[in-house]
Amino acid sequence: MEVNPHDLIRIKGYSYLITDAQEPEWVKVALTQAPYVVVRRAPMEKGHIPIGIRGQQRHERFAAFLPQDAVTEVITPEQLVTQKQWQQSSRYYQLPVLRALDDIYEIFQFYGLVWGPVGSVGFELVSGIPTAKDTSDLDIVVRLPHFPSIETARQLVAELTRIPIRMDVQLEIPAGAVSLLEYSQGSQLILLKSVCGPKLISHPYR
């Protein structure tokens, strides 16, 4: 089974979680309301998928593992874009971050990029649980086989900056993820988020 960081997984049930830690009480409540977990950026252990559970509060986050036979469905951020899932949300006209996805769609469509919303917005679009807020930032992942040119990155930042919401765009390549904004600035070193943890790497265009 192929899964990637930020993918959302519908699970068979709470009892399938694998962890050495004591689960907080809110974990069972959260998975009863919406049986979805997110794939973490971490190595698989004994074939088990690293996953994270989110609760109603910002501080409610819990890391665990999941056996592959507990998976009933995998939903990728890209699928939400293919279906323009945000336009089907009952909160489309209420949340600026949802309406902004229309403009972002046009920008990334022009550059031919594969992308999708993640974080609270992605979770809400999949689960139906209202996790995003009026003041929420928009987290976006762009899937790439390799880094784009720095000129393309700067053009993207310039166009996205015109959209009046805060957003964090991560460029995902096979080795890990880097911030689009940091990458576009051309610093000698940039932070790469890998499955083995964050590390500084030389900028590929320096």
N, C-alpha and C. Protein backbone atom coordinates (compact mmCIF):
# COMPACT_ATOMS: atom_id res chain seq x y z
N MET A 1 0.84 -1.20 0.00
CA MET A 1 0.00 0.00 0.00
C MET A 1 0.88 1.25 0.00
N GLU A 2 0.60 2.16 -0.93
CA GLU A 2 1.37 3.40 -1.00
C GLU A 2 0.58 4.54 -0.35
N VAL A 3 1.20 5.15 0.64
CA VAL A 3 0.62 6.35 1.26
C VAL A 3 1.73 7.38 1.39
N ASN A 4 1.34 8.63 1.44
CA ASN A 4 2.29 9.73 1.54
C ASN A 4 1.90 10.67 2.67
N PRO A 5 2.88 11.42 3.20
CA PRO A 5 2.54 12.40 4.23
C PRO A 5 1.38 13.30 3.78
N HIS A 6 0.48 13.57 4.69
CA HIS A 6 -0.70 14.41 4.49
C HIS A 6 -1.90 13.65 3.93
N ASP A 7 -1.70 12.42 3.43
CA ASP A 7 -2.87 11.65 3.02
C ASP A 7 -3.76 11.40 4.23
N LEU A 8 -5.06 11.38 4.01
CA LEU A 8 -6.01 11.05 5.08
C LEU A 8 -6.50 9.62 4.89
N ILE A 9 -6.59 8.90 5.99
CA ILE A 9 -6.99 7.50 5.96
C ILE A 9 -8.26 7.32 6.79
N ARG A 10 -9.22 6.66 6.19
CA ARG A 10 -10.40 6.25 6.95
C ARG A 10 -10.09 4.88 7.55
N ILE A 11 -10.25 4.76 8.85
CA ILE A 11 -9.85 3.53 9.54
C ILE A 11 -11.08 2.71 9.96
N LYS A 12 -10.85 1.44 10.22
CA LYS A 12 -11.93 0.55 10.62
C LYS A 12 -12.43 0.85 12.03
N GLY A 13 -11.52 1.31 12.89
CA GLY A 13 -11.96 1.60 14.25
C GLY A 13 -10.81 1.97 15.17
N TYR A 14 -11.17 2.54 16.29
CA TYR A 14 -10.23 3.01 17.31
C TYR A 14 -9.32 1.90 17.81
N SER A 15 -9.83 0.69 17.90
CA SER A 15 -9.09 -0.43 18.50
C SER A 15 -7.88 -0.85 17.68
N TYR A 16 -7.79 -0.38 16.44
CA TYR A 16 -6.67 -0.77 15.57
C TYR A 16 -5.41 0.07 15.81
N LEU A 17 -5.50 1.14 16.57
CA LEU A 17 -4.33 1.98 16.82
C LEU A 17 -3.24 1.19 17.52
N ILE A 18 -1.99 1.47 17.11
CA ILE A 18 -0.83 0.84 17.74
C ILE A 18 0.02 1.95 18.37
N THR A 19 0.21 1.88 19.68
CA THR A 19 0.99 2.88 20.39
C THR A 19 1.46 2.33 21.73
N ASP A 20 2.63 2.80 22.16
CA ASP A 20 3.14 2.43 23.48
C ASP A 20 2.69 3.42 24.54
N ALA A 21 2.12 4.54 24.10
CA ALA A 21 1.71 5.59 25.03
C ALA A 21 0.24 5.42 25.39
N GLN A 22 -0.16 6.03 26.48
CA GLN A 22 -1.56 6.02 26.90
C GLN A 22 -2.32 7.05 26.08
N GLU A 23 -3.36 6.61 25.38
CA GLU A 23 -4.13 7.56 24.57
C GLU A 23 -4.94 8.49 25.46
N PRO A 24 -4.92 9.79 25.17
CA PRO A 24 -5.82 10.72 25.88
C PRO A 24 -7.28 10.34 25.61
N GLU A 25 -8.15 10.73 26.49
CA GLU A 25 -9.57 10.39 26.34
C GLU A 25 -10.18 10.95 25.06
N TRP A 26 -9.68 12.12 24.62
CA TRP A 26 -10.28 12.76 23.46
C TRP A 26 -10.04 11.96 22.17
N VAL A 27 -9.03 11.09 22.14
CA VAL A 27 -8.71 10.34 20.93
C VAL A 27 -9.87 9.46 20.50
N LYS A 28 -10.42 8.71 21.44
CA LYS A 28 -11.54 7.82 21.12
C LYS A 28 -12.77 8.64 20.68
N VAL A 29 -12.99 9.75 21.35
CA VAL A 29 -14.13 10.62 21.00
C VAL A 29 -13.97 11.14 19.57
N ALA A 30 -12.75 11.61 19.25
CA ALA A 30 -12.50 12.17 17.93
C ALA A 30 -12.69 11.13 16.83
N LEU A 31 -12.19 9.91 17.05
CA LEU A 31 -12.29 8.87 16.03
C LEU A 31 -13.72 8.31 15.93
N THR A 32 -14.48 8.45 16.97
CA THR A 32 -15.89 8.05 16.91
C THR A 32 -16.68 9.04 16.06
N GLN A 33 -16.36 10.33 16.22
CA GLN A 33 -17.04 11.37 15.44
C GLN A 33 -16.62 11.32 13.97
N ALA A 34 -15.34 11.09 13.72
CA ALA A 34 -14.82 11.05 12.35
C ALA A 34 -13.63 10.09 12.32
N PRO A 35 -13.80 8.90 11.76
CA PRO A 35 -12.75 7.88 11.79
C PRO A 35 -11.64 8.12 10.77
N TYR A 36 -11.04 9.31 10.83
CA TYR A 36 -9.98 9.67 9.88
C TYR A 36 -8.70 10.03 10.62
N VAL A 37 -7.59 9.58 10.08
CA VAL A 37 -6.27 9.93 10.61
C VAL A 37 -5.43 10.44 9.45
N VAL A 38 -4.35 11.15 9.77
CA VAL A 38 -3.48 11.69 8.74
C VAL A 38 -2.14 10.97 8.77
N VAL A 39 -1.58 10.73 7.61
CA VAL A 39 -0.27 10.07 7.52
C VAL A 39 0.81 11.05 7.96
N ARG A 40 1.61 10.61 8.94
CA ARG A 40 2.72 11.44 9.44
C ARG A 40 3.96 11.24 8.57
N ARG A 41 4.86 12.23 8.63
CA ARG A 41 6.15 12.11 7.96
C ARG A 41 7.11 11.40 8.91
N ALA A 42 7.12 10.10 8.84
CA ALA A 42 7.96 9.28 9.71
C ALA A 42 8.13 7.91 9.04
N PRO A 43 9.16 7.15 9.42
CA PRO A 43 9.34 5.83 8.82
C PRO A 43 8.23 4.87 9.24
N MET A 44 7.91 3.93 8.36
CA MET A 44 6.98 2.86 8.73
C MET A 44 7.70 1.93 9.69
N GLU A 45 6.98 1.35 10.62
CA GLU A 45 7.55 0.41 11.58
C GLU A 45 6.85 -0.93 11.45
N LYS A 46 7.61 -1.95 11.05
CA LYS A 46 7.07 -3.30 10.87
C LYS A 46 5.87 -3.31 9.92
N GLY A 47 5.95 -2.46 8.91
CA GLY A 47 4.87 -2.38 7.93
C GLY A 47 3.69 -1.56 8.37
N HIS A 48 3.77 -0.96 9.57
CA HIS A 48 2.68 -0.14 10.08
C HIS A 48 2.85 1.31 9.65
N ILE A 49 1.73 1.95 9.36
CA ILE A 49 1.74 3.32 8.84
C ILE A 49 1.78 4.32 9.98
N PRO A 50 2.73 5.29 9.95
CA PRO A 50 2.74 6.33 10.98
C PRO A 50 1.59 7.31 10.75
N ILE A 51 0.77 7.49 11.75
CA ILE A 51 -0.41 8.34 11.58
C ILE A 51 -0.55 9.31 12.76
N GLY A 52 -1.33 10.34 12.55
CA GLY A 52 -1.63 11.30 13.60
C GLY A 52 -3.13 11.47 13.73
N ILE A 53 -3.59 11.65 14.95
CA ILE A 53 -5.01 11.89 15.22
C ILE A 53 -5.16 13.32 15.70
N ARG A 54 -6.17 14.02 15.23
CA ARG A 54 -6.41 15.38 15.66
C ARG A 54 -7.75 15.47 16.38
N GLY A 55 -7.76 16.28 17.44
CA GLY A 55 -8.99 16.51 18.19
C GLY A 55 -9.60 17.84 17.83
N GLN A 56 -10.54 18.29 18.64
CA GLN A 56 -11.23 19.55 18.39
C GLN A 56 -10.35 20.77 18.69
N GLN A 57 -9.45 20.62 19.66
CA GLN A 57 -8.59 21.74 20.07
C GLN A 57 -7.24 21.66 19.35
N ARG A 58 -6.62 22.81 19.17
CA ARG A 58 -5.35 22.88 18.45
C ARG A 58 -4.27 22.02 19.09
N HIS A 59 -4.30 21.94 20.44
CA HIS A 59 -3.25 21.19 21.13
C HIS A 59 -3.53 19.69 21.16
N GLU A 60 -4.69 19.29 20.70
CA GLU A 60 -5.05 17.88 20.73
C GLU A 60 -4.53 17.16 19.49
N ARG A 61 -3.33 16.63 19.61
CA ARG A 61 -2.69 15.87 18.55
C ARG A 61 -2.05 14.64 19.17
N PHE A 62 -2.18 13.49 18.52
CA PHE A 62 -1.65 12.26 19.08
C PHE A 62 -1.07 11.41 17.96
N ALA A 63 0.16 10.93 18.16
CA ALA A 63 0.86 10.12 17.16
C ALA A 63 0.73 8.64 17.49
N ALA A 64 0.53 7.84 16.45
CA ALA A 64 0.41 6.40 16.63
C ALA A 64 0.78 5.72 15.32
N PHE A 65 0.56 4.41 15.26
CA PHE A 65 0.76 3.64 14.03
C PHE A 65 -0.51 2.87 13.72
N LEU A 66 -0.62 2.45 12.46
CA LEU A 66 -1.83 1.78 12.02
C LEU A 66 -1.45 0.61 11.12
N PRO A 67 -1.97 -0.60 11.40
CA PRO A 67 -1.72 -1.72 10.48
C PRO A 67 -2.44 -1.48 9.16
N GLN A 68 -1.85 -1.95 8.09
CA GLN A 68 -2.43 -1.68 6.78
C GLN A 68 -3.81 -2.30 6.60
N ASP A 69 -4.08 -3.39 7.30
CA ASP A 69 -5.40 -4.01 7.14
C ASP A 69 -6.50 -3.27 7.89
N ALA A 70 -6.13 -2.19 8.58
CA ALA A 70 -7.14 -1.35 9.26
C ALA A 70 -7.60 -0.21 8.37
N VAL A 71 -7.03 -0.11 7.17
CA VAL A 71 -7.35 0.99 6.25
C VAL A 71 -8.57 0.62 5.41
N THR A 72 -9.56 1.49 5.38
CA THR A 72 -10.71 1.26 4.50
C THR A 72 -10.69 2.18 3.28
N GLU A 73 -9.99 3.32 3.39
CA GLU A 73 -9.93 4.26 2.27
C GLU A 73 -8.76 5.22 2.49
N VAL A 74 -8.09 5.60 1.41
CA VAL A 74 -7.05 6.62 1.44
C VAL A 74 -7.50 7.78 0.57
N ILE A 75 -7.52 8.97 1.14
CA ILE A 75 -7.92 10.17 0.40
C ILE A 75 -6.71 11.10 0.33
N THR A 76 -6.27 11.41 -0.87
CA THR A 76 -5.11 12.27 -1.04
C THR A 76 -5.54 13.73 -1.17
N PRO A 77 -4.66 14.66 -0.84
CA PRO A 77 -4.98 16.09 -1.04
C PRO A 77 -5.32 16.39 -2.50
N GLU A 78 -4.68 15.68 -3.42
CA GLU A 78 -4.93 15.92 -4.84
C GLU A 78 -6.36 15.57 -5.23
N GLN A 79 -6.92 14.56 -4.59
CA GLN A 79 -8.30 14.19 -4.90
C GLN A 79 -9.28 15.30 -4.56
N LEU A 80 -9.00 16.04 -3.52
CA LEU A 80 -9.88 17.15 -3.12
C LEU A 80 -9.90 18.23 -4.19
N VAL A 81 -8.76 18.37 -4.90
CA VAL A 81 -8.67 19.37 -5.97
C VAL A 81 -9.38 18.86 -7.22
N THR A 82 -9.18 17.61 -7.56
CA THR A 82 -9.82 17.04 -8.75
C THR A 82 -11.33 17.19 -8.67
N GLN A 83 -11.87 17.02 -7.47
CA GLN A 83 -13.33 17.10 -7.28
C GLN A 83 -13.79 18.50 -6.86
N LYS A 84 -12.82 19.44 -6.70
CA LYS A 84 -13.14 20.77 -6.17
C LYS A 84 -14.06 20.65 -4.95
N GLN A 85 -13.60 19.85 -4.02
CA GLN A 85 -14.41 19.47 -2.86
C GLN A 85 -14.87 20.68 -2.05
N TRP A 86 -14.07 21.74 -2.02
CA TRP A 86 -14.42 22.91 -1.21
C TRP A 86 -15.71 23.58 -1.70
N GLN A 87 -16.01 23.47 -2.99
CA GLN A 87 -17.22 24.09 -3.52
C GLN A 87 -18.47 23.36 -3.08
N GLN A 88 -18.31 22.14 -2.60
CA GLN A 88 -19.44 21.36 -2.12
C GLN A 88 -19.66 21.52 -0.62
N SER A 89 -18.78 22.26 0.04
CA SER A 89 -18.89 22.45 1.48
C SER A 89 -20.03 23.40 1.83
N SER A 90 -20.74 23.09 2.90
CA SER A 90 -21.81 23.96 3.37
C SER A 90 -21.25 25.26 3.94
N ARG A 91 -19.94 25.28 4.18
CA ARG A 91 -19.32 26.48 4.77
C ARG A 91 -18.50 27.25 3.72
N TYR A 92 -18.71 26.97 2.46
CA TYR A 92 -17.96 27.61 1.39
C TYR A 92 -18.05 29.14 1.46
N TYR A 93 -19.24 29.67 1.69
CA TYR A 93 -19.42 31.13 1.72
C TYR A 93 -19.10 31.72 3.09
N GLN A 94 -18.85 30.87 4.05
CA GLN A 94 -18.56 31.33 5.41
C GLN A 94 -17.06 31.49 5.66
N LEU A 95 -16.26 30.63 5.03
CA LEU A 95 -14.83 30.61 5.32
C LEU A 95 -14.00 31.17 4.17
N PRO A 96 -13.22 32.23 4.41
CA PRO A 96 -12.36 32.79 3.37
C PRO A 96 -11.37 31.78 2.81
N VAL A 97 -10.88 30.86 3.66
CA VAL A 97 -9.89 29.90 3.17
C VAL A 97 -10.48 28.96 2.12
N LEU A 98 -11.78 28.69 2.20
CA LEU A 98 -12.41 27.83 1.20
C LEU A 98 -12.60 28.57 -0.11
N ARG A 99 -13.07 29.80 -0.04
CA ARG A 99 -13.27 30.57 -1.27
C ARG A 99 -11.94 30.87 -1.96
N ALA A 100 -10.88 31.03 -1.17
CA ALA A 100 -9.56 31.31 -1.75
C ALA A 100 -9.05 30.16 -2.61
N LEU A 101 -9.54 28.95 -2.35
CA LEU A 101 -9.07 27.79 -3.12
C LEU A 101 -9.43 27.90 -4.60
N ASP A 102 -10.46 28.67 -4.94
CA ASP A 102 -10.79 28.87 -6.35
C ASP A 102 -9.66 29.61 -7.07
N ASP A 103 -9.15 30.68 -6.44
CA ASP A 103 -8.05 31.44 -7.05
C ASP A 103 -6.77 30.62 -7.09
N ILE A 104 -6.53 29.88 -6.01
CA ILE A 104 -5.32 29.05 -5.95
C ILE A 104 -5.38 27.97 -7.02
N TYR A 105 -6.56 27.43 -7.23
CA TYR A 105 -6.75 26.41 -8.27
C TYR A 105 -6.31 26.95 -9.63
N GLU A 106 -6.72 28.16 -9.96
CA GLU A 106 -6.38 28.75 -11.26
C GLU A 106 -4.88 28.95 -11.39
N ILE A 107 -4.24 29.38 -10.33
CA ILE A 107 -2.79 29.60 -10.37
C ILE A 107 -2.03 28.30 -10.61
N PHE A 108 -2.33 27.30 -9.81
CA PHE A 108 -1.61 26.03 -9.95
C PHE A 108 -1.98 25.32 -11.25
N GLN A 109 -3.19 25.52 -11.71
CA GLN A 109 -3.61 24.93 -13.00
C GLN A 109 -2.75 25.50 -14.12
N PHE A 110 -2.49 26.79 -14.07
CA PHE A 110 -1.68 27.44 -15.10
C PHE A 110 -0.27 26.84 -15.16
N TYR A 111 0.29 26.53 -13.98
CA TYR A 111 1.64 25.97 -13.93
C TYR A 111 1.66 24.44 -14.06
N GLY A 112 0.50 23.84 -14.17
CA GLY A 112 0.43 22.40 -14.33
C GLY A 112 0.90 21.62 -13.12
N LEU A 113 0.64 22.14 -11.91
CA LEU A 113 1.13 21.52 -10.69
C LEU A 113 0.07 20.63 -10.03
N VAL A 114 0.56 19.58 -9.40
CA VAL A 114 -0.31 18.67 -8.65
C VAL A 114 -0.26 19.10 -7.19
N TRP A 115 -1.41 19.42 -6.61
CA TRP A 115 -1.42 20.02 -5.28
C TRP A 115 -2.71 19.66 -4.56
N GLY A 116 -2.78 20.09 -3.29
CA GLY A 116 -4.00 19.89 -2.54
C GLY A 116 -3.94 20.57 -1.18
N PRO A 117 -5.10 20.90 -0.61
CA PRO A 117 -5.16 21.48 0.73
C PRO A 117 -4.96 20.41 1.80
N VAL A 118 -4.23 20.74 2.84
CA VAL A 118 -4.02 19.82 3.95
C VAL A 118 -4.34 20.56 5.25
N GLY A 119 -3.89 20.05 6.38
CA GLY A 119 -4.16 20.71 7.65
C GLY A 119 -5.65 20.71 7.99
N SER A 120 -6.09 21.74 8.69
CA SER A 120 -7.48 21.79 9.16
C SER A 120 -8.47 21.85 8.01
N VAL A 121 -8.10 22.53 6.92
CA VAL A 121 -9.01 22.64 5.78
C VAL A 121 -9.18 21.29 5.08
N GLY A 122 -8.07 20.61 4.82
CA GLY A 122 -8.15 19.30 4.19
C GLY A 122 -8.93 18.33 5.04
N PHE A 123 -8.70 18.37 6.36
CA PHE A 123 -9.40 17.45 7.26
C PHE A 123 -10.90 17.72 7.25
N GLU A 124 -11.28 18.98 7.26
CA GLU A 124 -12.72 19.32 7.24
C GLU A 124 -13.37 18.86 5.94
N LEU A 125 -12.70 19.06 4.82
CA LEU A 125 -13.28 18.69 3.54
C LEU A 125 -13.51 17.18 3.43
N VAL A 126 -12.65 16.41 4.08
CA VAL A 126 -12.79 14.95 4.02
C VAL A 126 -13.77 14.44 5.07
N SER A 127 -13.63 14.94 6.30
CA SER A 127 -14.39 14.38 7.42
C SER A 127 -15.77 15.01 7.61
N GLY A 128 -15.92 16.26 7.15
CA GLY A 128 -17.16 16.98 7.40
C GLY A 128 -17.22 17.62 8.77
N ILE A 129 -16.18 17.41 9.58
CA ILE A 129 -16.11 18.04 10.91
C ILE A 129 -15.58 19.47 10.74
N PRO A 130 -16.25 20.49 11.31
CA PRO A 130 -15.81 21.88 11.13
C PRO A 130 -14.56 22.21 11.93
N THR A 131 -13.40 21.92 11.35
CA THR A 131 -12.13 22.14 12.04
C THR A 131 -11.47 23.47 11.64
N ALA A 132 -11.81 24.00 10.48
CA ALA A 132 -11.24 25.28 10.03
C ALA A 132 -12.01 26.43 10.67
N LYS A 133 -11.33 27.57 10.79
CA LYS A 133 -11.94 28.77 11.38
C LYS A 133 -11.82 29.95 10.42
N ASP A 134 -12.52 31.03 10.76
CA ASP A 134 -12.44 32.25 9.94
C ASP A 134 -11.00 32.74 9.83
N THR A 135 -10.22 32.51 10.88
CA THR A 135 -8.85 33.03 10.93
C THR A 135 -7.81 31.98 10.56
N SER A 136 -8.27 30.82 10.10
CA SER A 136 -7.33 29.73 9.80
C SER A 136 -6.37 30.07 8.68
N ASP A 137 -5.12 29.61 8.84
CA ASP A 137 -4.18 29.64 7.73
C ASP A 137 -4.56 28.52 6.77
N LEU A 138 -4.09 28.62 5.55
CA LEU A 138 -4.32 27.57 4.57
C LEU A 138 -3.01 26.82 4.31
N ASP A 139 -3.00 25.55 4.61
CA ASP A 139 -1.82 24.71 4.37
C ASP A 139 -2.02 23.97 3.06
N ILE A 140 -0.99 24.03 2.22
CA ILE A 140 -1.06 23.43 0.89
C ILE A 140 0.19 22.60 0.64
N VAL A 141 0.01 21.46 0.01
CA VAL A 141 1.13 20.63 -0.40
C VAL A 141 1.13 20.54 -1.92
N VAL A 142 2.32 20.69 -2.51
CA VAL A 142 2.50 20.56 -3.96
C VAL A 142 3.41 19.36 -4.20
N ARG A 143 2.92 18.36 -4.93
CA ARG A 143 3.69 17.14 -5.19
C ARG A 143 4.52 17.33 -6.46
N LEU A 144 5.83 17.10 -6.34
CA LEU A 144 6.73 17.32 -7.47
C LEU A 144 7.74 16.18 -7.57
N PRO A 145 8.15 15.81 -8.79
CA PRO A 145 9.21 14.82 -8.92
C PRO A 145 10.58 15.40 -8.57
N HIS A 146 10.72 16.71 -8.70
CA HIS A 146 11.97 17.40 -8.39
C HIS A 146 11.66 18.87 -8.12
N PHE A 147 12.64 19.60 -7.61
CA PHE A 147 12.42 21.01 -7.30
C PHE A 147 12.15 21.80 -8.59
N PRO A 148 11.26 22.79 -8.53
CA PRO A 148 11.06 23.68 -9.68
C PRO A 148 12.23 24.66 -9.78
N SER A 149 12.30 25.37 -10.88
CA SER A 149 13.32 26.41 -10.98
C SER A 149 13.01 27.49 -9.95
N ILE A 150 14.01 28.20 -9.52
CA ILE A 150 13.81 29.24 -8.52
C ILE A 150 12.97 30.38 -9.11
N GLU A 151 13.07 30.58 -10.42
CA GLU A 151 12.26 31.62 -11.07
C GLU A 151 10.77 31.27 -10.98
N THR A 152 10.46 30.01 -11.23
CA THR A 152 9.07 29.56 -11.12
C THR A 152 8.56 29.71 -9.69
N ALA A 153 9.41 29.35 -8.73
CA ALA A 153 9.03 29.47 -7.32
C ALA A 153 8.72 30.92 -6.96
N ARG A 154 9.53 31.84 -7.45
CA ARG A 154 9.32 33.26 -7.14
C ARG A 154 8.05 33.78 -7.80
N GLN A 155 7.75 33.31 -9.00
CA GLN A 155 6.51 33.72 -9.66
C GLN A 155 5.30 33.21 -8.88
N LEU A 156 5.39 31.97 -8.41
CA LEU A 156 4.29 31.41 -7.62
C LEU A 156 4.06 32.21 -6.34
N VAL A 157 5.13 32.53 -5.64
CA VAL A 157 5.01 33.31 -4.41
C VAL A 157 4.37 34.66 -4.70
N ALA A 158 4.80 35.31 -5.76
CA ALA A 158 4.26 36.62 -6.11
C ALA A 158 2.76 36.54 -6.39
N GLU A 159 2.33 35.51 -7.09
CA GLU A 159 0.91 35.38 -7.42
C GLU A 159 0.08 34.98 -6.21
N LEU A 160 0.61 34.08 -5.39
CA LEU A 160 -0.13 33.64 -4.21
C LEU A 160 -0.23 34.74 -3.16
N THR A 161 0.76 35.62 -3.12
CA THR A 161 0.76 36.71 -2.14
C THR A 161 -0.41 37.67 -2.37
N ARG A 162 -0.92 37.71 -3.58
CA ARG A 162 -2.04 38.61 -3.89
C ARG A 162 -3.36 38.10 -3.28
N ILE A 163 -3.39 36.84 -2.89
CA ILE A 163 -4.61 36.29 -2.28
C ILE A 163 -4.62 36.67 -0.80
N PRO A 164 -5.67 37.31 -0.30
CA PRO A 164 -5.66 37.90 1.05
C PRO A 164 -5.89 36.91 2.20
N ILE A 165 -5.15 35.81 2.21
CA ILE A 165 -5.17 34.91 3.35
C ILE A 165 -3.73 34.46 3.62
N ARG A 166 -3.48 34.02 4.86
CA ARG A 166 -2.16 33.47 5.18
C ARG A 166 -2.11 32.02 4.71
N MET A 167 -1.02 31.66 4.06
CA MET A 167 -0.90 30.27 3.62
C MET A 167 0.53 29.78 3.76
N ASP A 168 0.65 28.50 3.92
CA ASP A 168 1.94 27.83 4.01
C ASP A 168 1.96 26.77 2.92
N VAL A 169 2.80 26.97 1.91
CA VAL A 169 2.88 26.04 0.78
C VAL A 169 4.16 25.22 0.91
N GLN A 170 4.02 23.91 0.93
CA GLN A 170 5.15 23.00 1.03
C GLN A 170 5.35 22.29 -0.30
N LEU A 171 6.60 22.27 -0.77
CA LEU A 171 6.95 21.54 -1.99
C LEU A 171 7.40 20.14 -1.59
N GLU A 172 6.66 19.14 -2.03
CA GLU A 172 6.94 17.75 -1.68
C GLU A 172 7.66 17.06 -2.83
N ILE A 173 8.89 16.61 -2.57
CA ILE A 173 9.63 15.80 -3.52
C ILE A 173 9.89 14.45 -2.84
N PRO A 174 10.42 13.45 -3.56
CA PRO A 174 10.63 12.15 -2.91
C PRO A 174 11.47 12.20 -1.64
N ALA A 175 12.41 13.13 -1.56
CA ALA A 175 13.29 13.19 -0.38
C ALA A 175 12.65 13.86 0.82
N GLY A 176 11.57 14.60 0.62
CA GLY A 176 10.94 15.32 1.72
C GLY A 176 10.25 16.58 1.23
N ALA A 177 10.11 17.56 2.13
CA ALA A 177 9.38 18.79 1.79
C ALA A 177 10.16 20.02 2.22
N VAL A 178 10.02 21.08 1.44
CA VAL A 178 10.60 22.37 1.79
C VAL A 178 9.52 23.44 1.62
N SER A 179 9.68 24.54 2.32
CA SER A 179 8.76 25.66 2.21
C SER A 179 8.96 26.36 0.87
N LEU A 180 7.87 26.60 0.14
CA LEU A 180 7.96 27.33 -1.12
C LEU A 180 8.56 28.70 -0.90
N LEU A 181 8.14 29.41 0.16
CA LEU A 181 8.65 30.75 0.43
C LEU A 181 10.15 30.72 0.69
N GLU A 182 10.59 29.80 1.55
CA GLU A 182 12.02 29.71 1.86
C GLU A 182 12.82 29.34 0.62
N TYR A 183 12.29 28.40 -0.14
CA TYR A 183 12.98 27.96 -1.36
C TYR A 183 13.14 29.12 -2.34
N SER A 184 12.09 29.94 -2.47
CA SER A 184 12.11 31.04 -3.45
C SER A 184 13.11 32.13 -3.09
N GLN A 185 13.49 32.20 -1.81
CA GLN A 185 14.42 33.24 -1.36
C GLN A 185 15.86 32.94 -1.73
N GLY A 186 16.14 31.70 -2.13
CA GLY A 186 17.46 31.36 -2.64
C GLY A 186 18.57 31.33 -1.62
N SER A 187 18.25 31.13 -0.35
CA SER A 187 19.30 31.05 0.68
C SER A 187 20.24 29.89 0.38
N GLN A 188 21.42 29.97 0.90
CA GLN A 188 22.42 28.94 0.64
C GLN A 188 21.98 27.59 1.21
N LEU A 189 21.32 27.61 2.37
CA LEU A 189 20.81 26.40 2.99
C LEU A 189 19.29 26.52 3.17
N ILE A 190 18.59 25.41 2.98
CA ILE A 190 17.15 25.40 3.22
C ILE A 190 16.81 24.18 4.08
N LEU A 191 15.68 24.27 4.77
CA LEU A 191 15.26 23.21 5.67
C LEU A 191 14.44 22.17 4.91
N LEU A 192 14.89 20.92 4.97
CA LEU A 192 14.17 19.81 4.36
C LEU A 192 13.52 18.98 5.45
N LYS A 193 12.22 18.77 5.34
CA LYS A 193 11.51 17.89 6.27
C LYS A 193 11.51 16.49 5.66
N SER A 194 12.25 15.58 6.26
CA SER A 194 12.34 14.22 5.73
C SER A 194 11.72 13.24 6.72
N VAL A 195 11.58 11.98 6.31
CA VAL A 195 11.00 10.98 7.21
C VAL A 195 11.91 10.72 8.40
N CYS A 196 13.18 11.10 8.29
CA CYS A 196 14.12 10.92 9.39
C CYS A 196 14.27 12.18 10.23
N GLY A 197 13.44 13.18 9.96
CA GLY A 197 13.50 14.42 10.72
C GLY A 197 13.98 15.58 9.87
N PRO A 198 13.91 16.81 10.40
CA PRO A 198 14.34 17.99 9.63
C PRO A 198 15.86 18.07 9.52
N LYS A 199 16.34 18.57 8.39
CA LYS A 199 17.78 18.77 8.22
C LYS A 199 18.01 19.87 7.20
N LEU A 200 19.14 20.54 7.34
CA LEU A 200 19.50 21.61 6.41
C LEU A 200 20.22 21.01 5.21
N ILE A 201 19.83 21.44 4.02
CA ILE A 201 20.48 20.97 2.82
C ILE A 201 20.92 22.17 1.98
N SER A 202 21.87 21.96 1.10
CA SER A 202 22.30 23.02 0.21
C SER A 202 21.20 23.30 -0.81
N HIS A 203 20.94 24.56 -1.05
CA HIS A 203 19.93 24.94 -2.04
C HIS A 203 20.34 24.40 -3.40
N PRO A 204 19.46 23.65 -4.10
CA PRO A 204 19.86 23.04 -5.36
C PRO A 204 20.20 24.03 -6.47
N TYR A 205 19.76 25.29 -6.31
CA TYR A 205 20.06 26.28 -7.34
C TYR A 205 21.08 27.31 -6.88
N ARG A 206 21.86 26.94 -5.83
CA ARG A 206 22.94 27.79 -5.37
C ARG A 206 24.26 27.17 -5.81
